[in-house]
Protein backbone atom coordinates (compact mmCIF):
# COMPACT_ATOMS: atom_id res chain seq x y z
CA MET A 1 102.49 125.95 85.91
CA ARG A 2 103.87 122.56 87.01
CA THR A 3 106.69 123.24 89.50
CA TYR A 4 106.86 124.58 93.04
CA ARG A 5 109.55 127.03 91.96
CA GLU A 6 107.21 128.62 89.45
CA LEU A 7 104.46 128.74 92.06
CA PHE A 8 106.48 130.51 94.74
CA ARG A 9 107.87 132.97 92.20
CA THR A 10 104.33 134.15 91.53
CA PRO A 11 103.90 137.61 93.11
CA GLU A 12 101.95 137.55 96.40
CA PHE A 13 101.75 133.78 96.66
CA LEU A 14 104.44 133.53 99.35
CA PRO A 15 102.83 136.04 101.77
CA PHE A 16 99.44 134.49 101.06
CA PHE A 17 100.84 131.02 101.77
CA THR A 18 102.50 132.20 104.99
CA THR A 19 99.34 133.92 106.23
CA VAL A 20 97.25 130.82 105.71
CA SER A 21 99.90 128.60 107.34
CA VAL A 22 100.13 130.69 110.50
CA GLN A 23 96.35 130.87 110.78
CA VAL A 24 96.07 127.07 110.48
CA ALA A 25 98.70 126.65 113.20
CA ALA A 26 96.70 128.95 115.46
CA GLN A 27 93.45 127.12 114.77
CA THR A 28 95.01 123.69 115.32
CA ALA A 29 96.69 124.47 118.63
CA ALA A 30 93.67 126.36 119.96
CA GLY A 31 91.25 123.62 118.86
CA LEU A 32 93.26 120.90 120.59
CA ALA A 33 93.49 123.04 123.74
CA LEU A 34 89.77 123.75 123.83
CA GLY A 35 88.83 120.13 123.14
CA THR A 36 91.12 119.01 125.96
CA LEU A 37 89.70 121.66 128.29
CA VAL A 38 86.11 120.62 127.60
CA TYR A 39 86.83 116.89 127.92
CA ALA A 40 88.64 117.43 131.24
CA ALA A 41 85.67 119.44 132.55
CA THR A 42 82.87 117.19 131.31
CA GLY A 43 84.28 113.76 130.41
CA SER A 44 81.92 113.82 127.41
CA PRO A 45 83.11 112.54 123.99
CA LEU A 46 80.25 114.45 122.36
CA LEU A 47 81.09 117.81 123.92
CA SER A 48 84.83 117.44 123.32
CA ALA A 49 84.15 116.56 119.67
CA LEU A 50 81.86 119.58 119.30
CA ALA A 51 84.43 121.82 120.99
CA MET A 52 86.96 120.97 118.28
CA PHE A 53 84.68 120.71 115.24
CA GLY A 54 81.29 122.05 116.31
CA PRO A 55 82.01 125.61 115.13
CA SER A 56 81.83 124.16 111.64
CA LEU A 57 78.07 123.83 112.13
CA ALA A 58 77.87 127.62 112.27
CA GLN A 59 79.26 127.70 108.74
CA VAL A 60 75.69 127.02 107.61
CA ALA A 61 74.55 130.35 109.05
CA GLY A 62 77.43 132.16 107.39
CA ALA A 63 76.87 130.44 104.06
CA LEU A 64 73.21 131.53 104.10
CA THR A 65 73.83 135.15 105.09
CA LEU A 66 77.41 136.35 104.52
CA LEU A 67 78.79 134.73 101.37
CA SER A 68 77.69 137.42 98.94
CA ALA A 69 80.29 139.63 100.64
CA ALA A 70 83.13 137.26 99.67
CA ASP A 71 83.42 138.83 96.21
CA ARG A 72 82.28 142.31 97.29
CA LEU A 73 84.81 143.18 100.00
CA PRO A 74 88.50 144.15 99.56
CA PRO A 75 90.39 140.90 100.24
CA ARG A 76 93.36 142.25 102.22
CA ALA A 77 91.30 144.28 104.67
CA THR A 78 88.81 141.45 105.15
CA LEU A 79 91.44 138.80 105.84
CA THR A 80 93.22 141.10 108.29
CA GLY A 81 90.03 141.93 110.16
CA LEU A 82 88.92 138.30 110.38
CA ALA A 83 92.29 137.20 111.79
CA LEU A 84 92.00 139.85 114.51
CA LEU A 85 88.45 138.73 115.27
CA PHE A 86 89.67 135.15 115.75
CA ALA A 87 92.48 136.38 117.99
CA LEU A 88 89.96 138.14 120.21
CA GLY A 89 87.59 135.16 120.31
CA THR A 90 90.37 132.71 121.16
CA ALA A 91 91.62 134.96 123.95
CA VAL A 92 88.10 135.14 125.40
CA GLN A 93 87.93 131.33 125.50
CA ALA A 94 91.05 131.33 127.69
CA VAL A 95 89.42 133.47 130.41
CA PRO A 96 89.36 131.46 133.69
CA GLY A 97 85.88 130.60 134.89
CA LEU A 98 84.27 131.23 131.51
CA PRO A 99 81.02 129.20 131.49
CA LEU A 100 80.89 126.32 129.04
CA TRP A 101 77.86 127.77 127.25
CA ALA A 102 79.70 131.06 126.74
CA ALA A 103 82.69 129.26 125.20
CA PHE A 104 80.35 127.56 122.74
CA VAL A 105 78.64 130.87 121.89
CA VAL A 106 82.05 132.30 120.97
CA LEU A 107 82.78 129.19 118.90
CA LEU A 108 79.56 129.55 116.96
CA GLY A 109 80.23 133.22 116.23
CA LEU A 110 83.72 132.47 114.95
CA GLY A 111 82.38 129.59 112.88
CA ALA A 112 79.89 131.87 111.12
CA ALA A 113 82.67 134.36 110.33
CA SER A 114 84.81 131.53 108.92
CA SER A 115 82.40 131.03 106.04
CA LEU A 116 83.20 134.52 104.80
CA GLY A 117 86.92 134.02 105.33
CA GLY A 118 87.00 130.88 103.20
CA GLY A 119 85.33 132.63 100.26
CA VAL A 120 87.61 135.66 100.46
CA ARG A 121 90.76 133.58 100.89
CA TYR A 122 90.29 131.13 98.04
CA GLY A 123 88.77 133.72 95.75
CA LEU A 124 91.97 135.72 96.24
CA LEU A 125 94.04 132.63 95.44
CA ASN A 126 92.12 132.41 92.17
CA GLU A 127 93.23 135.98 91.39
CA ILE A 128 96.86 135.59 92.44
CA LEU A 129 97.59 132.49 90.37
CA PRO A 130 97.47 132.17 86.58
CA GLN A 131 94.77 130.02 85.04
CA ARG A 132 96.78 126.81 84.99
CA GLY A 133 98.16 127.21 88.50
CA PHE A 134 95.04 126.67 90.60
CA LEU A 135 95.38 122.92 91.21
CA LEU A 136 99.08 123.14 92.11
CA GLY A 137 98.50 126.18 94.32
CA ARG A 138 95.54 124.59 96.08
CA SER A 139 97.50 121.39 96.66
CA VAL A 140 100.39 123.36 98.16
CA LEU A 141 97.98 125.13 100.49
CA ASN A 142 96.54 121.77 101.51
CA MET A 143 100.07 120.55 102.13
CA ALA A 144 100.67 123.61 104.27
CA VAL A 145 97.52 122.77 106.21
CA GLY A 146 98.82 119.23 106.74
CA THR A 147 102.27 120.42 107.80
CA MET A 148 100.93 123.06 110.17
CA GLN A 149 98.49 120.55 111.63
CA ILE A 150 101.37 118.19 112.32
CA LEU A 151 103.28 121.00 114.02
CA GLY A 152 100.18 122.45 115.62
CA PHE A 153 99.03 119.19 117.17
CA ALA A 154 102.55 118.18 118.19
CA VAL A 155 103.46 121.56 119.64
CA GLY A 156 99.93 122.05 120.94
CA GLY A 157 100.17 118.80 122.88
CA VAL A 158 103.43 119.95 124.43
CA LEU A 159 102.00 123.37 125.22
CA VAL A 160 98.89 121.90 126.83
CA THR A 161 101.18 119.91 129.14
CA ALA A 162 103.64 122.74 129.80
CA LEU A 163 101.36 125.79 129.87
CA SER A 164 97.90 124.26 130.43
CA ALA A 165 95.01 124.35 127.96
CA ARG A 166 94.24 128.00 128.72
CA GLY A 167 97.83 129.02 128.13
CA THR A 168 97.78 127.23 124.78
CA LEU A 169 94.65 129.17 123.83
CA LEU A 170 96.55 132.41 124.45
CA VAL A 171 99.37 131.18 122.21
CA GLY A 172 96.77 130.52 119.52
CA ALA A 173 95.43 134.05 119.92
CA ALA A 174 98.92 135.48 119.48
CA LEU A 175 99.40 133.46 116.28
CA TYR A 176 96.17 134.92 114.90
CA VAL A 177 97.60 138.40 115.49
CA VAL A 178 100.71 137.38 113.54
CA ALA A 179 98.51 136.16 110.68
CA ALA A 180 96.69 139.52 110.66
CA ALA A 181 100.00 141.37 110.38
CA LEU A 182 101.17 139.14 107.54
CA ALA A 183 97.96 139.75 105.61
CA ARG A 184 98.05 143.51 106.15
CA PHE A 185 101.69 144.06 105.19
CA GLY A 186 102.30 141.16 102.80
CA LEU A 187 99.31 141.35 100.46
CA THR A 188 98.49 144.00 97.91
CA ALA A 189 95.35 146.08 98.30
CA ARG A 190 92.92 144.81 95.66
CA PRO A 191 89.44 145.98 94.78
CA PRO A 192 86.48 143.62 95.28
CA ARG A 193 85.97 141.06 92.52
CA ALA A 194 82.28 141.93 92.07
CA THR A 195 80.21 145.08 92.31
CA GLY A 196 76.92 145.61 94.04
CA ARG A 197 75.79 145.48 97.60
CA ALA A 198 76.30 142.38 99.71
CA SER A 199 73.10 141.19 101.32
CA VAL A 200 71.33 138.10 102.60
CA ARG A 201 69.08 138.21 99.54
CA GLU A 202 72.06 138.29 97.17
CA THR A 203 73.67 135.42 99.07
CA TRP A 204 70.54 133.31 98.64
CA ARG A 205 70.24 134.25 94.95
CA THR A 206 73.82 133.24 94.14
CA ASN A 207 73.60 130.08 96.22
CA ALA A 208 70.51 129.09 94.24
CA LEU A 209 72.30 129.89 90.97
CA LEU A 210 75.29 127.72 91.89
CA TRP A 211 73.12 124.90 93.22
CA SER A 212 70.81 124.76 90.20
CA SER A 213 73.47 123.12 88.00
CA ALA A 214 73.32 119.31 88.31
CA PRO A 215 77.08 118.78 87.73
CA ARG A 216 77.91 121.35 90.42
CA ARG A 217 75.43 119.76 92.82
CA SER A 218 77.18 116.42 92.48
CA VAL A 219 80.55 118.03 93.09
CA TYR A 220 79.33 119.96 96.13
CA LEU A 221 77.76 116.89 97.72
CA ALA A 222 80.88 114.82 97.09
CA LEU A 223 83.00 117.54 98.71
CA TRP A 224 80.73 117.95 101.71
CA VAL A 225 79.23 114.71 102.94
CA PRO A 226 81.87 111.92 102.79
CA ASN A 227 84.62 114.23 104.08
CA GLY A 228 82.47 115.60 106.87
CA LEU A 229 81.60 112.12 108.11
CA VAL A 230 85.26 111.08 108.13
CA VAL A 231 86.13 114.18 110.16
CA GLY A 232 83.55 112.80 112.61
CA CYS A 233 85.95 109.87 113.01
CA GLU A 234 88.78 112.29 113.73
CA SER A 235 86.71 114.14 116.31
CA LEU A 236 86.75 110.99 118.48
CA TYR A 237 90.56 110.69 118.72
CA ILE A 238 90.59 112.32 122.15
CA ALA A 239 87.92 109.97 123.47
CA TYR A 240 89.48 106.90 121.78
CA ALA A 241 93.07 107.49 122.94
CA PRO A 242 93.27 110.45 125.37
CA ALA A 243 97.02 110.07 125.90
CA HIS A 244 97.81 109.73 122.17
CA ALA A 245 95.24 111.98 120.48
CA GLY A 246 97.91 114.44 119.36
CA LEU A 247 99.82 111.59 117.67
CA LEU A 248 96.70 110.42 115.80
CA PHE A 249 95.94 113.97 114.62
CA ALA A 250 99.55 114.43 113.51
CA CYS A 251 99.53 111.10 111.63
CA GLY A 252 96.32 112.13 109.89
CA ALA A 253 98.02 115.32 108.80
CA VAL A 254 100.97 113.29 107.45
CA GLY A 255 98.59 111.21 105.34
CA MET A 256 96.82 114.29 104.02
CA LEU A 257 100.14 115.95 103.21
CA THR A 258 101.30 112.87 101.31
CA GLY A 259 98.11 112.60 99.27
CA ASP A 260 98.08 116.29 98.34
CA ALA A 261 101.73 116.19 97.28
CA LEU A 262 101.17 113.17 95.04
CA VAL A 263 97.95 114.40 93.42
CA GLY A 264 98.86 118.06 93.13
CA ARG A 265 102.37 117.68 91.77
CA PHE A 266 103.07 114.20 90.41
CA VAL A 267 99.85 112.63 89.10
CA PRO A 268 99.46 113.26 85.33
CA GLY A 269 96.23 114.85 84.18
CA ARG A 270 95.11 111.72 82.33
CA TRP A 271 95.12 109.74 85.60
CA ARG A 272 93.24 112.21 87.75
CA ALA A 273 89.74 111.23 86.67
CA ARG A 274 90.55 107.56 87.27
CA LEU A 275 91.93 108.20 90.75
CA GLY A 276 88.99 110.24 92.03
CA ALA A 277 86.68 107.34 92.95
CA PRO A 278 89.38 105.13 94.57
CA LEU A 279 90.61 108.06 96.66
CA ARG A 280 87.09 108.84 97.86
CA LEU A 281 86.69 105.21 98.96
CA LEU A 282 90.11 105.19 100.63
CA LEU A 283 89.03 108.18 102.71
CA ALA A 284 86.65 106.11 104.85
CA ALA A 285 87.45 102.41 104.42
CA PRO A 286 90.42 102.17 106.85
CA TYR A 287 88.29 103.52 109.72
CA LEU A 288 86.15 100.36 109.64
CA VAL A 289 88.94 98.63 111.57
CA PHE A 290 88.11 100.76 114.62
CA ALA A 291 85.06 98.55 115.18
CA LEU A 292 87.59 96.05 116.59
CA ASN A 293 89.15 98.68 118.93
CA PRO A 294 92.68 98.18 117.58
CA GLY A 295 95.83 99.12 119.43
CA LEU A 296 97.79 102.27 118.70
CA PRO A 297 100.06 100.87 115.91
CA VAL A 298 97.11 99.64 113.83
CA ALA A 299 95.17 102.83 114.55
CA VAL A 300 98.07 104.95 113.30
CA VAL A 301 98.34 103.00 110.03
CA ALA A 302 94.58 103.25 109.45
CA VAL A 303 94.56 107.00 110.08
CA VAL A 304 97.49 107.65 107.71
CA LEU A 305 95.96 105.58 104.89
CA ALA A 306 92.54 107.16 105.25
CA SER A 307 93.93 110.68 105.29
CA VAL A 308 95.59 110.15 101.89
CA GLY A 309 92.03 110.00 100.56
CA PHE A 310 91.44 113.65 101.40
CA SER A 311 93.40 114.47 98.20
CA ALA A 312 90.22 113.57 96.28
CA SER A 313 88.97 117.01 97.30
CA LEU A 314 91.66 118.62 95.16
CA LEU A 315 90.23 116.95 92.09
CA LEU A 316 86.69 117.90 93.01
CA GLN A 317 87.63 121.54 93.60
CA GLU A 318 89.33 121.73 90.21
CA ARG A 319 86.14 120.42 88.64
CA LEU A 320 84.10 123.02 90.53
CA MET A 321 86.25 125.84 89.14
CA ALA A 322 85.75 124.58 85.59
CA LEU A 323 81.99 124.75 86.14
CA THR A 324 81.92 128.23 87.73
CA PRO A 325 82.27 131.72 86.20
CA GLU A 326 85.31 133.59 87.48
CA GLU A 327 83.32 136.48 88.96
CA LEU A 328 81.58 134.00 91.27
CA SER A 329 84.73 132.06 92.19
CA GLY A 330 84.96 133.46 95.72
CA HIS A 331 81.31 132.73 96.45
CA ALA A 332 81.52 129.24 94.92
CA LEU A 333 84.67 128.33 96.85
CA GLY A 334 83.25 129.88 100.01
CA LEU A 335 80.13 127.77 99.63
CA SER A 336 82.31 124.72 99.11
CA SER A 337 84.40 125.48 102.20
CA SER A 338 81.37 126.33 104.35
CA GLY A 339 79.55 123.18 103.30
CA MET A 340 82.55 121.01 104.05
CA LEU A 341 83.08 122.58 107.45
CA ALA A 342 79.38 122.45 108.29
CA MET A 343 79.32 118.75 107.44
CA GLN A 344 82.39 118.28 109.62
CA GLY A 345 80.31 119.63 112.48
CA VAL A 346 77.44 117.30 111.56
CA GLY A 347 79.83 114.36 111.29
CA SER A 348 81.33 115.20 114.68
CA ALA A 349 77.88 115.41 116.24
CA VAL A 350 76.81 112.08 114.70
CA ALA A 351 80.03 110.32 115.66
CA GLY A 352 79.97 111.78 119.16
CA SER A 353 76.35 110.72 119.66
CA VAL A 354 77.06 107.14 118.56
CA ALA A 355 80.15 107.04 120.77
CA GLN A 356 78.14 108.38 123.70
CA LEU A 357 75.75 105.41 123.38
CA THR A 358 78.31 102.75 122.47
CA SER A 359 82.07 103.40 122.36
CA PRO A 360 84.47 105.72 120.48
CA GLY A 361 85.66 102.87 118.23
CA THR A 362 82.11 101.92 117.30
CA GLY A 363 81.28 105.55 116.57
CA MET A 364 84.25 105.86 114.22
CA ALA A 365 83.39 102.67 112.34
CA ALA A 366 79.72 103.63 112.04
CA VAL A 367 80.30 107.03 110.45
CA ALA A 368 83.00 105.54 108.19
CA ALA A 369 80.48 103.02 106.88
CA LEU A 370 77.98 105.82 106.29
CA SER A 371 80.64 107.83 104.41
CA LEU A 372 81.32 104.86 102.14
CA ALA A 373 77.62 104.46 101.41
CA VAL A 374 77.29 108.13 100.45
CA THR A 375 80.38 107.95 98.21
CA VAL A 376 78.93 104.97 96.32
CA ALA A 377 75.54 106.70 95.97
CA LEU A 378 77.11 109.87 94.51
CA ALA A 379 79.36 108.06 92.01
CA PRO A 380 76.86 108.00 89.08
CA GLY A 381 76.29 111.78 89.23
CA LEU A 382 80.03 112.47 89.17
CA ARG A 383 80.55 110.18 86.20
CA ALA A 384 77.66 111.82 84.36
CA GLY A 385 79.06 115.32 84.92
CA ARG A 386 82.63 114.50 83.92
CA GLY A 387 83.99 116.48 81.03
CA ARG A 388 80.86 118.58 80.53
CA GLY A 389 82.76 121.81 81.15
CA ALA A 390 80.74 124.69 79.80
CA GLU A 391 77.69 122.48 79.35
CA GLY A 392 77.44 122.23 83.12
CA ARG A 393 77.13 126.01 83.53
CA LEU A 394 73.89 127.88 83.79
CA GLN A 395 72.66 129.99 80.97
CA GLY A 396 73.58 133.61 81.49
CA GLU A 397 76.43 132.86 83.89
CA GLY A 398 79.14 134.02 81.55
CA SER A 399 82.40 132.33 80.76
CA SER A 400 84.23 130.28 83.33
CA ARG A 401 87.88 129.94 84.02
CA THR A 402 89.69 127.25 82.03
CA THR A 403 91.54 124.59 84.00
CA GLU A 404 94.51 122.52 82.99
CA THR A 405 92.43 119.38 82.50
CA LYS A 406 88.89 119.96 81.38
CA GLU A 407 87.90 116.35 81.88
CA THR A 408 88.86 116.47 85.56
CA THR A 409 87.15 119.50 87.02
CA THR A 410 88.05 118.75 90.61
CA SER A 411 89.35 120.13 93.90
């Protein structure tokens, strides 16, 4: 599968794509509204960063307790129920006079639930698409995320001005309801991918199984840590340029969209392994310029260039699927998603703390430098695991899904 036409002709992909797109739009607009609301109330870069990305920290709790359910629940019903839960939580955050601590409690609860949603969602994608369609499908979903973030931040900024932050939160809640309806009536009822009872113990057992493989460990760490630290840079946009934060977020989405389109559709398989390391370095390097507190034009260029580097995650996820048995695909992808989002929360907290003590520009440059250091430190493990395919699996795991390029088990 190499063309978008083939992809969208695949049964169920279009409703799946639309559901994810609407949910991202809801999350983007609501996140911008809540971050603006918290910054207006507190004037704190740290709290505004945590309001937008802090829920990702709760992904750790979900990854340690809920992920075994990702392959043991019916996908359609689970995705529908989770979208309704997010609609309710977002509406609660819009209640006038809601204490700040209560808003953060709601955020943490929704963050924990997101870990389950990521596993169910991308495990279902693995079922919907044929074996050779995963990279293209995942890249198109990432492109949808970029597009909906552009629209979400642009429209969200307008809505915050026209309706207020609380009104924008209610719009986000309504979009979550739309996503729930699309999932319920657009997707086919499917049985769970795995049998057995979901439990905390089973979650821990499977996490340990996935983590015990050295090639998978390298891939997980490369997916989680550098990306999470760079999202810490993004979490300071509001503090760095309050009047132009929406523009910076939208430009970041443009860069991510461009990178995913190039890597997912146009880069030949033989070049993917060679591009992985440069893209991971590109992800953080442009943010070093923020140490000089550049003006808006330079900041926009740096953000666009850095965001192209997010396409390295596509290659890493493809590698992860080549190293994982199909019956654990939902759990493995859920762990990947939860780890990335959790590290985004950590990165936001680190960047916000540095900015609180120094300045937003210094905070962005500091976490970018740390991201580069981690990328360089992880490079030997990724080179060692390249092309190992079945050799990187654990004994007794069973057969894994074959990807289009065995030597580039990424994204």
